[in-house]
PDB file of N, CA and C in Angstrom:
ATOM      1  N   UNK A   1      -9.113 -19.883 -15.761  1.00  0.00           N
ATOM      2  CA  UNK A   1      -7.971 -19.186 -15.600  1.00  0.00           C
ATOM      3  C   UNK A   1      -7.779 -18.400 -17.171  1.00  0.00           C
ATOM      4  N   UNK A   2      -8.200 -19.272 -18.343  1.00  0.00           N
ATOM      5  CA  UNK A   2      -7.617 -18.849 -19.424  1.00  0.00           C
ATOM      6  C   UNK A   2      -8.825 -17.827 -19.775  1.00  0.00           C
ATOM      7  N   UNK A   3     -10.271 -17.559 -19.344  1.00  0.00           N
ATOM      8  CA  UNK A   3     -11.201 -16.683 -19.728  1.00  0.00           C
ATOM      9  C   UNK A   3     -10.823 -15.558 -18.976  1.00  0.00           C
ATOM     10  N   UNK A   4      -9.864 -15.344 -18.042  1.00  0.00           N
ATOM     11  CA  UNK A   4      -9.358 -13.959 -17.402  1.00  0.00           C
ATOM     12  C   UNK A   4      -8.316 -13.587 -18.336  1.00  0.00           C
ATOM     13  N   UNK A   5      -7.242 -14.240 -18.645  1.00  0.00           N
ATOM     14  CA  UNK A   5      -6.345 -13.903 -19.185  1.00  0.00           C
ATOM     15  C   UNK A   5      -7.108 -13.413 -20.603  1.00  0.00           C
ATOM     16  N   UNK A   6      -7.729 -14.009 -21.046  1.00  0.00           N
ATOM     17  CA  UNK A   6      -8.512 -13.222 -22.440  1.00  0.00           C
ATOM     18  C   UNK A   6      -9.313 -11.968 -22.181  1.00  0.00           C
ATOM     19  N   UNK A   7      -9.791 -11.846 -21.187  1.00  0.00           N
ATOM     20  CA  UNK A   7     -10.464 -10.569 -20.763  1.00  0.00           C
ATOM     21  C   UNK A   7      -9.656  -9.640 -20.459  1.00  0.00           C
ATOM     22  N   UNK A   8      -8.226  -9.629 -19.737  1.00  0.00           N
ATOM     23  CA  UNK A   8      -7.048  -8.955 -19.688  1.00  0.00           C
ATOM     24  C   UNK A   8      -6.840  -8.380 -20.959  1.00  0.00           C
ATOM     25  N   UNK A   9      -6.604  -9.118 -21.991  1.00  0.00           N
ATOM     26  CA  UNK A   9      -6.195  -8.814 -23.162  1.00  0.00           C
ATOM     27  C   UNK A   9      -7.336  -7.817 -24.005  1.00  0.00           C
ATOM     28  N   UNK A  10      -8.570  -7.959 -23.450  1.00  0.00           N
ATOM     29  CA  UNK A  10      -9.433  -7.047 -24.077  1.00  0.00           C
ATOM     30  C   UNK A  10      -9.601  -5.622 -23.709  1.00  0.00           C
ATOM     31  N   UNK A  11      -8.820  -5.501 -22.220  1.00  0.00           N
ATOM     32  CA  UNK A  11      -9.141  -4.270 -21.645  1.00  0.00           C
ATOM     33  C   UNK A  11      -8.513  -3.064 -22.427  1.00  0.00           C
ATOM     34  N   UNK A  12      -7.550  -3.468 -23.241  1.00  0.00           N
ATOM     35  CA  UNK A  12      -6.860  -1.699 -23.962  1.00  0.00           C
ATOM     36  C   UNK A  12      -7.907  -1.503 -25.061  1.00  0.00           C
ATOM     37  N   UNK A  13      -8.345  -2.585 -25.690  1.00  0.00           N
ATOM     38  CA  UNK A  13      -9.530  -2.232 -26.763  1.00  0.00           C
ATOM     39  C   UNK A  13     -10.650  -1.649 -25.876  1.00  0.00           C
ATOM     40  N   UNK A  14     -11.215  -2.073 -24.751  1.00  0.00           N
ATOM     41  CA  UNK A  14     -12.269  -1.431 -23.987  1.00  0.00           C
ATOM     42  C   UNK A  14     -12.099   0.229 -23.854  1.00  0.00           C
ATOM     43  N   UNK A  15     -10.829   0.410 -23.393  1.00  0.00           N
ATOM     44  CA  UNK A  15     -10.250   1.652 -23.067  1.00  0.00           C
ATOM     45  C   UNK A  15     -10.196   2.431 -24.000  1.00  0.00           C
ATOM     46  N   UNK A  16      -9.959   2.256 -25.018  1.00  0.00           N
ATOM     47  CA  UNK A  16      -9.688   2.953 -26.302  1.00  0.00           C
ATOM     48  C   UNK A  16     -11.166   3.286 -26.814  1.00  0.00           C
ATOM     49  N   UNK A  17     -11.753   2.224 -26.884  1.00  0.00           N
ATOM     50  CA  UNK A  17     -13.192   2.526 -27.157  1.00  0.00           C
ATOM     51  C   UNK A  17     -14.226   3.328 -26.424  1.00  0.00           C
ATOM     52  N   UNK A  18     -13.869   3.658 -25.220  1.00  0.00           N
ATOM     53  CA  UNK A  18     -14.401   4.096 -24.305  1.00  0.00           C
ATOM     54  C   UNK A  18     -13.877   5.816 -24.430  1.00  0.00           C
ATOM     55  N   UNK A  19     -12.508   6.017 -24.905  1.00  0.00           N
ATOM     56  CA  UNK A  19     -11.871   7.320 -25.203  1.00  0.00           C
ATOM     57  C   UNK A  19     -12.406   7.717 -26.532  1.00  0.00           C
ATOM     58  N   UNK A  20     -12.541   6.907 -27.638  1.00  0.00           N
ATOM     59  CA  UNK A  20     -12.947   7.101 -28.919  1.00  0.00           C
ATOM     60  C   UNK A  20     -14.368   7.881 -28.570  1.00  0.00           C
ATOM     61  N   UNK A  21     -15.483   6.965 -28.000  1.00  0.00           N
ATOM     62  CA  UNK A  21     -16.585   7.141 -28.096  1.00  0.00           C
ATOM     63  C   UNK A  21     -17.296   8.342 -27.369  1.00  0.00           C
ATOM     64  N   UNK A  22     -16.052   8.685 -26.319  1.00  0.00           N
ATOM     65  CA  UNK A  22     -16.148  10.042 -25.728  1.00  0.00           C
ATOM     66  C   UNK A  22     -16.209  11.469 -26.841  1.00  0.00           C
ATOM     67  N   UNK A  23     -15.260  11.114 -27.539  1.00  0.00           N
ATOM     68  CA  UNK A  23     -15.150  12.383 -28.563  1.00  0.00           C
ATOM     69  C   UNK A  23     -16.646  12.393 -29.507  1.00  0.00           C
ATOM     70  N   UNK A  24     -16.480  11.151 -29.960  1.00  0.00           N
ATOM     71  CA  UNK A  24     -17.492  11.099 -30.890  1.00  0.00           C
ATOM     72  C   UNK A  24     -19.164  11.249 -30.632  1.00  0.00           C
ATOM     73  N   UNK A  25     -19.542  10.869 -29.460  1.00  0.00           N
ATOM     74  CA  UNK A  25     -20.821  10.924 -28.820  1.00  0.00           C
ATOM     75  C   UNK A  25     -21.459  12.286 -29.328  1.00  0.00           C
ATOM     76  N   UNK A  26     -20.883  13.359 -29.256  1.00  0.00           N
ATOM     77  CA  UNK A  26     -21.338  14.722 -29.439  1.00  0.00           C
ATOM     78  C   UNK A  26     -21.509  15.088 -30.874  1.00  0.00           C
ATOM     79  N   UNK A  27     -20.916  14.178 -31.847  1.00  0.00           N
ATOM     80  CA  UNK A  27     -20.981  14.360 -33.144  1.00  0.00           C
ATOM     81  C   UNK A  27     -22.036  13.512 -34.096  1.00  0.00           C
ATOM     82  N   UNK A  28     -22.333  12.848 -33.705  1.00  0.00           N
ATOM     83  CA  UNK A  28     -23.241  11.680 -34.203  1.00  0.00           C
ATOM     84  C   UNK A  28     -24.891  12.122 -33.479  1.00  0.00           C
ATOM     85  N   UNK A  29     -25.651  11.951 -34.421  1.00  0.00           N
ATOM     86  CA  UNK A  29     -27.348  12.095 -33.737  1.00  0.00           C
ATOM     87  C   UNK A  29     -27.269  10.910 -32.868  1.00  0.00           C
ATOM     88  N   UNK A  30     -28.404  10.864 -32.174  1.00  0.00           N
ATOM     89  CA  UNK A  30     -29.010   9.583 -31.519  1.00  0.00           C
ATOM     90  C   UNK A  30     -29.629   8.514 -32.313  1.00  0.00           C
ATOM     91  N   UNK A  31     -30.247   9.142 -33.071  1.00  0.00           N
ATOM     92  CA  UNK A  31     -30.969   8.172 -34.087  1.00  0.00           C
ATOM     93  C   UNK A  31     -30.235   7.396 -34.917  1.00  0.00           C
ATOM     94  N   UNK A  32     -29.156   7.977 -35.285  1.00  0.00           N
ATOM     95  CA  UNK A  32     -27.699   7.507 -36.039  1.00  0.00           C
ATOM     96  C   UNK A  32     -27.290   6.494 -34.983  1.00  0.00           C
ATOM     97  N   UNK A  33     -26.896   6.618 -33.877  1.00  0.00           N
ATOM     98  CA  UNK A  33     -26.393   5.778 -33.037  1.00  0.00           C
ATOM     99  C   UNK A  33     -27.112   4.453 -32.851  1.00  0.00           C
ATOM    100  N   UNK A  34     -28.404   4.655 -32.325  1.00  0.00           N
ATOM    101  CA  UNK A  34     -29.327   3.699 -32.477  1.00  0.00           C
ATOM    102  C   UNK A  34     -29.526   2.653 -33.672  1.00  0.00           C
ATOM    103  N   UNK A  35     -29.420   3.270 -34.690  1.00  0.00           N
ATOM    104  CA  UNK A  35     -29.613   2.363 -36.090  1.00  0.00           C
ATOM    105  C   UNK A  35     -28.276   1.640 -36.246  1.00  0.00           C
ATOM    106  N   UNK A  36     -27.206   2.379 -36.141  1.00  0.00           N
ATOM    107  CA  UNK A  36     -25.974   1.627 -35.961  1.00  0.00           C
ATOM    108  C   UNK A  36     -25.697   0.552 -35.114  1.00  0.00           C
ATOM    109  N   UNK A  37     -26.255   0.691 -33.849  1.00  0.00           N
ATOM    110  CA  UNK A  37     -26.180  -0.334 -32.916  1.00  0.00           C
ATOM    111  C   UNK A  37     -27.269  -1.629 -33.480  1.00  0.00           C
ATOM    112  N   UNK A  38     -28.365  -1.040 -33.926  1.00  0.00           N
ATOM    113  CA  UNK A  38     -29.397  -2.309 -34.114  1.00  0.00           C
ATOM    114  C   UNK A  38     -28.582  -3.168 -35.419  1.00  0.00           C
ATOM    115  N   UNK A  39     -27.900  -2.238 -36.421  1.00  0.00           N
ATOM    116  CA  UNK A  39     -27.218  -2.949 -37.608  1.00  0.00           C
ATOM    117  C   UNK A  39     -26.221  -3.856 -36.864  1.00  0.00           C
ATOM    118  N   UNK A  40     -25.339  -3.281 -35.834  1.00  0.00           N
ATOM    119  CA  UNK A  40     -24.221  -4.169 -35.516  1.00  0.00           C
ATOM    120  C   UNK A  40     -24.968  -5.480 -34.761  1.00  0.00           C
ATOM    121  N   UNK A  41     -26.051  -5.248 -33.978  1.00  0.00           N
ATOM    122  CA  UNK A  41     -26.797  -6.695 -33.282  1.00  0.00           C
ATOM    123  C   UNK A  41     -26.994  -7.187 -34.274  1.00  0.00           C
ATOM    124  N   UNK A  42     -27.609  -6.950 -35.379  1.00  0.00           N
ATOM    125  CA  UNK A  42     -28.544  -7.876 -36.052  1.00  0.00           C
ATOM    126  C   UNK A  42     -27.299  -8.644 -37.102  1.00  0.00           C
ATOM    127  N   UNK A  43     -26.183  -7.991 -37.486  1.00  0.00           N
ATOM    128  CA  UNK A  43     -25.328  -8.837 -38.321  1.00  0.00           C
ATOM    129  C   UNK A  43     -24.438  -9.499 -37.248  1.00  0.00           C
ATOM    130  N   UNK A  44     -24.567  -9.228 -35.829  1.00  0.00           N
ATOM    131  CA  UNK A  44     -23.878 -10.094 -35.194  1.00  0.00           C
ATOM    132  C   UNK A  44     -24.808 -11.447 -34.773  1.00  0.00           C
ATOM    133  N   UNK A  45     -25.996 -11.212 -34.786  1.00  0.00           N
ATOM    134  CA  UNK A  45     -26.991 -12.589 -34.250  1.00  0.00           C
ATOM    135  C   UNK A  45     -26.946 -13.179 -35.867  1.00  0.00           C
ATOM    136  N   UNK A  46     -26.863 -12.593 -37.134  1.00  0.00           N
ATOM    137  CA  UNK A  46     -26.829 -13.558 -38.242  1.00  0.00           C
ATOM    138  C   UNK A  46     -25.717 -14.249 -38.320  1.00  0.00           C
ATOM    139  N   UNK A  47     -24.871 -13.566 -37.992  1.00  0.00           N
ATOM    140  CA  UNK A  47     -23.420 -14.456 -38.298  1.00  0.00           C
ATOM    141  C   UNK A  47     -23.171 -15.571 -37.093  1.00  0.00           C
ATOM    142  N   UNK A  48     -23.909 -15.502 -35.852  1.00  0.00           N
ATOM    143  CA  UNK A  48     -23.953 -16.410 -34.966  1.00  0.00           C
ATOM    144  C   UNK A  48     -24.837 -17.579 -35.193  1.00  0.00           C
ATOM    145  N   UNK A  49     -25.899 -17.170 -35.702  1.00  0.00           N
ATOM    146  CA  UNK A  49     -26.850 -18.025 -36.314  1.00  0.00           C
ATOM    147  C   UNK A  49     -26.237 -19.161 -37.383  1.00  0.00           C
ATOM    148  N   UNK A  50     -25.578 -18.259 -38.281  1.00  0.00           N
ATOM    149  CA  UNK A  50     -25.119 -19.195 -39.507  1.00  0.00           C
ATOM    150  C   UNK A  50     -23.722 -20.060 -39.156  1.00  0.00           C
ATOM    151  N   UNK A  51     -23.139 -19.611 -38.436  1.00  0.00           N
ATOM    152  CA  UNK A  51     -21.884 -20.330 -37.647  1.00  0.00           C
ATOM    153  C   UNK A  51     -22.642 -21.711 -36.894  1.00  0.00           C
ATOM    154  N   UNK A  52     -23.543 -21.364 -36.229  1.00  0.00           N
ATOM    155  CA  UNK A  52     -24.042 -22.551 -35.464  1.00  0.00           C
ATOM    156  C   UNK A  52     -24.776 -23.717 -36.289  1.00  0.00           C
ATOM    157  N   UNK A  53     -25.264 -23.097 -37.631  1.00  0.00           N
ATOM    158  CA  UNK A  53     -25.828 -23.907 -38.536  1.00  0.00           C
ATOM    159  C   UNK A  53     -24.929 -24.818 -39.547  1.00  0.00           C
ATOM    160  N   UNK A  54     -24.153 -24.215 -39.815  1.00  0.00           N
ATOM    161  CA  UNK A  54     -22.743 -24.521 -40.585  1.00  0.00           C
ATOM    162  C   UNK A  54     -21.806 -25.703 -39.437  1.00  0.00           C
ATOM    163  N   UNK A  55     -21.640 -25.617 -38.243  1.00  0.00           N
ATOM    164  CA  UNK A  55     -21.199 -26.291 -37.406  1.00  0.00           C
ATOM    165  C   UNK A  55     -22.223 -27.726 -36.928  1.00  0.00           C
ATOM    166  N   UNK A  56     -23.445 -27.910 -37.586  1.00  0.00           N
ATOM    167  CA  UNK A  56     -24.009 -28.917 -37.347  1.00  0.00           C
ATOM    168  C   UNK A  56     -23.743 -29.858 -38.302  1.00  0.00           C
TER     169      UNK A  56
END
């Protein structure tokens, strides 16, 4: 039940991201989007790895 409530709390950010992305998708080059996505995923993975090591 707790996870459902947390998911519901994230819905406004989801819709806001959808609206903003639909406006920006035509202004940003596809290569830039791919690069930014890869950087974000790499940063997230590194953060998770460091957090997991620190908690040991």
